Protein backbone atom coordinates (compact mmCIF):
# COMPACT_ATOMS: atom_id res chain seq x y z
CA THR A 1 0.08 0.01 0.01
CA THR A 2 1.20 3.42 -0.74
CA ASP A 3 0.97 7.04 0.83
CA VAL A 4 -1.71 9.16 -0.87
CA LEU A 5 0.55 12.73 -0.64
CA THR A 6 3.67 11.12 -2.51
CA GLY A 7 2.77 7.82 -3.85
CA ALA A 8 5.94 6.33 -1.99
CA LEU A 9 5.32 3.10 0.31
CA ASN A 10 3.51 3.60 3.62
CA ARG A 11 4.71 1.51 6.53
CA LYS A 12 2.48 -1.36 5.94
CA GLY A 13 3.31 -1.25 2.18
CA LEU A 14 7.15 -1.46 3.47
CA ALA A 15 6.47 -4.09 5.78
CA ASP A 16 4.85 -6.24 2.98
CA GLU A 17 7.88 -5.57 0.76
CA LEU A 18 10.52 -6.50 3.19
CA MET A 19 8.84 -9.49 4.11
CA ARG A 20 8.63 -10.55 0.50
CA LEU A 21 12.37 -9.79 -0.12
CA VAL A 22 13.54 -12.10 2.72
CA ARG A 23 11.50 -14.99 1.47
CA PRO A 24 13.56 -17.96 0.58
CA GLY A 25 14.02 -18.05 -3.20
CA GLU A 26 14.04 -14.32 -3.61
CA GLY A 27 17.64 -14.00 -4.54
CA ARG A 28 20.59 -12.22 -3.06
CA THR A 29 19.31 -9.68 -0.58
CA PHE A 30 21.63 -9.29 2.21
CA PRO A 31 23.35 -7.00 3.41
CA MET A 32 20.58 -4.33 3.22
CA THR A 33 21.38 -0.67 3.85
CA LEU A 34 18.64 1.27 5.86
CA VAL A 35 18.45 5.08 5.37
CA PHE A 36 16.32 7.49 7.32
CA ILE A 37 15.55 11.07 5.62
CA ASP A 38 14.36 13.92 7.66
CA ILE A 39 13.32 17.24 6.13
CA ASP A 40 15.28 19.87 8.40
CA HIS A 41 13.25 22.61 9.93
CA PHE A 42 10.10 21.35 8.34
CA LYS A 43 7.86 22.91 10.94
CA ARG A 44 9.56 26.33 10.27
CA ILE A 45 8.28 25.73 6.63
CA ASN A 46 4.84 25.07 7.43
CA ASP A 47 4.70 27.88 9.97
CA ALA A 48 6.08 30.48 7.51
CA HIS A 49 4.79 29.41 4.42
CA GLY A 50 1.48 27.23 5.05
CA HIS A 51 0.83 23.76 4.94
CA ALA A 52 0.25 23.56 1.46
CA ALA A 53 3.82 24.79 0.75
CA GLY A 54 5.00 22.00 3.25
CA ASP A 55 2.99 19.32 1.31
CA GLN A 56 4.56 20.60 -1.93
CA VAL A 57 8.03 20.04 -0.35
CA ILE A 58 7.18 16.70 0.66
CA ARG A 59 5.82 15.68 -2.77
CA GLY A 60 8.88 17.42 -4.19
CA LEU A 61 11.31 15.58 -2.18
CA ALA A 62 9.67 12.03 -2.88
CA GLN A 63 9.88 12.78 -6.59
CA LEU A 64 13.64 13.81 -6.26
CA VAL A 65 14.41 10.56 -4.47
CA ARG A 66 12.50 8.33 -6.55
CA SER A 67 14.47 9.88 -9.52
CA ALA A 68 17.86 9.21 -8.13
CA VAL A 69 17.69 5.82 -6.98
CA GLN A 70 17.21 2.42 -8.57
CA ARG A 71 13.71 0.76 -9.37
CA ASP A 72 14.18 -2.06 -7.06
CA ASP A 73 15.34 0.13 -4.17
CA LEU A 74 12.36 0.47 -1.55
CA PHE A 75 11.40 3.90 -0.62
CA ALA A 76 8.67 4.69 2.09
CA ARG A 77 7.14 7.76 3.90
CA TRP A 78 7.64 6.97 7.35
CA GLY A 79 5.13 9.47 8.55
CA GLY A 80 5.20 13.39 8.66
CA GLU A 81 8.56 14.68 7.14
CA GLU A 82 10.52 11.77 7.53
CA PHE A 83 11.24 8.80 4.78
CA LEU A 84 12.97 5.57 4.78
CA LEU A 85 14.93 4.19 1.79
CA VAL A 86 16.25 0.37 1.62
CA PHE A 87 18.95 -0.54 -0.53
CA ARG A 88 19.19 -4.76 -0.93
CA ASP A 89 22.41 -6.26 -1.53
CA THR A 90 24.29 -2.93 -0.54
CA PRO A 91 26.72 -2.67 2.42
CA GLY A 92 26.60 0.05 4.71
CA VAL A 93 29.56 1.84 3.75
CA LYS A 94 28.17 2.36 0.10
CA GLY A 95 24.73 3.23 1.20
CA ARG A 96 26.56 5.95 2.98
CA VAL A 97 28.07 7.26 -0.01
CA ILE A 98 24.64 7.10 -1.96
CA ALA A 99 23.04 9.01 0.97
CA GLU A 100 25.76 11.67 0.77
CA ARG A 101 25.17 12.20 -2.87
CA LEU A 102 21.31 12.35 -2.33
CA ARG A 103 21.82 15.12 0.33
CA GLU A 104 23.76 17.26 -1.82
CA ARG A 105 21.44 16.81 -4.68
CA ILE A 106 18.44 17.84 -2.24
CA ALA A 107 20.54 21.03 -1.19
CA ALA A 108 21.16 21.98 -4.68
CA ALA A 109 17.52 21.63 -5.89
CA THR A 110 15.45 24.60 -6.68
CA TRP A 111 12.48 24.74 -4.57
CA ALA A 112 9.20 26.73 -4.75
CA ASP A 113 8.76 30.09 -2.72
CA GLY A 114 12.84 30.52 -2.65
CA LEU A 115 12.80 27.96 -0.08
CA ARG A 116 15.99 26.22 1.03
CA VAL A 117 15.38 22.42 1.76
CA THR A 118 18.12 20.13 3.31
CA CYS A 119 17.81 16.88 5.01
CA SER A 120 19.32 14.69 7.72
CA PHE A 121 20.21 11.37 7.02
CA GLY A 122 20.81 8.20 9.22
CA VAL A 123 22.33 5.16 7.91
CA ALA A 124 22.67 1.51 9.17
CA GLU A 125 23.36 -1.88 7.84
CA TRP A 126 20.71 -4.53 8.35
CA HIS A 127 22.61 -7.94 8.83
CA ARG A 128 21.15 -11.51 7.95
CA GLY A 129 19.57 -12.90 11.03
CA GLU A 130 19.23 -9.48 12.63
CA ASP A 131 15.66 -8.51 13.74
CA LEU A 132 14.41 -5.88 11.17
CA ASN A 133 13.21 -3.50 14.25
CA ASP A 134 16.55 -3.14 15.71
CA GLY A 135 18.14 -2.22 12.20
CA ILE A 136 15.58 0.26 11.81
CA ARG A 137 16.20 1.70 15.18
CA ARG A 138 19.77 1.78 14.55
CA ALA A 139 19.35 3.90 11.37
CA ASP A 140 16.75 6.06 13.41
CA GLU A 141 19.33 6.85 16.16
CA ALA A 142 22.02 7.81 13.48
CA MET A 143 19.35 10.26 11.85
CA TYR A 144 18.76 12.07 15.22
CA ARG A 145 22.64 12.26 15.66
CA ALA A 146 22.71 14.05 12.47
CA LYS A 147 20.27 16.29 13.39
CA GLN A 148 21.87 17.15 16.81
CA GLN A 149 25.23 17.65 15.07
CA GLY A 150 23.73 20.54 12.84
CA ARG A 151 21.48 18.98 10.13
CA ASP A 152 22.26 18.75 6.62
CA ARG A 153 24.51 15.89 7.13
CA VAL A 154 24.80 12.22 6.86
CA GLU A 155 25.34 9.94 10.07
CA ILE A 156 26.37 6.46 10.19
CA GLU A 157 25.39 4.18 12.96
CA LEU A 158 28.52 2.95 14.67
CA GLU A 159 27.99 -0.60 14.46
CA THR A 160 27.68 -0.42 10.61
CA ARG A 161 31.26 1.30 10.67
CA LEU A 162 32.62 -1.64 12.71
CA HIS A 163 31.47 -4.33 10.01
CA ASP A 164 32.08 -2.13 6.80
CA THR A 165 35.71 -1.11 5.70
CA VAL A 166 35.74 2.45 4.61
CA SER A 167 38.74 1.28 2.12
CA ASP A 168 36.29 -0.68 0.15
CA PRO A 169 37.15 -0.50 -3.54
CA ALA A 170 33.83 -0.71 -4.72
CA VAL A 171 32.77 2.52 -3.38
CA SER A 172 34.01 4.23 -6.43
CA ASP A 173 31.79 2.41 -8.35
CA LEU A 174 28.90 4.67 -7.32
CA GLU A 175 29.83 7.35 -9.06
CA ARG A 176 27.29 7.51 -11.85
CA PRO A 177 25.75 10.55 -13.48
CA ALA A 178 22.21 9.02 -14.19
CA GLY A 179 21.45 8.27 -10.58
CA MET A 180 22.53 7.01 -6.99
CA GLY A 181 21.92 3.28 -7.62
CA ARG A 182 24.92 0.69 -7.47
CA ASP A 183 24.93 0.14 -11.29
CA ARG A 184 25.99 -3.50 -11.11
CA PRO A 185 24.15 -6.75 -11.11
CA ALA A 186 23.00 -8.25 -8.12
CA SER A 187 25.07 -11.41 -8.80
CA ALA A 188 28.27 -9.55 -9.12
CA ARG A 189 29.21 -8.48 -5.75
CA PRO A 190 32.80 -6.76 -6.03
CA PRO A 191 35.68 -8.35 -3.77
CA GLY A 192 35.49 -7.06 -0.23
CA ALA A 193 32.03 -5.42 -0.70
CA SER A 194 30.44 -7.34 2.22
CA ARG A 195 31.17 -9.31 4.91
CA PRO A 196 30.74 -13.12 5.34
CA SER A 197 27.14 -13.96 6.40
CA PRO A 198 27.12 -15.40 9.74
CA SER A 199 24.03 -17.53 8.66
CA GLY A 200 25.22 -18.72 5.40
CA ALA A 201 23.96 -18.20 2.03
CA ALA A 202 21.23 -19.68 0.56
CA GLY A 203 21.94 -23.12 -0.78
CA SER A 204 25.00 -23.40 1.51
CA GLY A 205 23.56 -26.13 3.59
CA GLU A 206 23.26 -23.78 6.69
CA ALA A 207 19.98 -22.79 8.31
CA ARG A 208 18.58 -19.74 6.66
CA PRO A 209 17.01 -17.23 9.27
CA SER A 210 13.33 -16.86 9.72
CA TYR A 211 11.92 -13.31 9.86
CA SER A 212 8.68 -12.21 11.40
CA GLN A 213 6.47 -9.37 10.26
CA PRO A 214 8.04 -6.26 11.89
CA ASP A 215 6.38 -4.30 14.54
CA PHE A 216 7.14 -0.77 13.37
CA LEU A 217 3.72 -0.37 12.21
CA ASN A 218 2.87 1.01 15.64
CA TRP A 219 6.05 3.15 16.24
CA ARG A 220 5.83 6.84 16.78
C-alpha cells in the first residue's frame, strides 16, 4: 500500500515488501542498507509558508528521491517529514555514499517560494539474521545524531562502521551521473563489498534465518 500524498510506500507497504524480499528463493538480498531521511526545520516551512507549501516540499522530495535511486530500491514515507530508503545487496559503507550524494542533490535543488530545503540522513546496515526492528532503530538513532550535530549531514550508525571497511574499492563504482544506484548486477558483488554472512547463504546447507512481520507499524 502507498502514501496518498507522495505515492511512496507507507509503513504497511514497506513491511509487506521487506517480508517478500527475505522469503527463500528471492535471490541475493543481504546485506541491506537502511537510510532514514528527515527534512530539516520542516515546522518552520509550515509555519512561515503554510501547510500547502509543506505538502509541496514533501511531494517534491519524494519525486527527487525516486528519480535518483534504482527501481528495485524500496522507498517509504515513514510519517510526517520522515522517509526510509532500503537498498538491497548493499553494504552500509556504500549506502552512506549514496546518501551523501542524495543529500547534496536535495540541498542544490530549486524549491518553490525560494525555499532552501535540506535533509538529515541516518544510515545503518541490516545484517542477515538481525531483527528488522533493531536495524531500523539503529538507522533512526543515526538520523537523530545527524540533526543534533547540525543537520544537513549524513551519519552512519557505529555498528555499521565496525562491520564495513571504509577502504572498500567498490565505493568508487557509485559515481554515476544518471542516479544514485549501484549500477551492477546483483550476482556480481565486487570483492570485499560485504562481510561473510553468519547464517550462510541460500544453498550453503546452513539454516536460513526466519523473519517475522516487523512491529514498526505501531511506532511513533
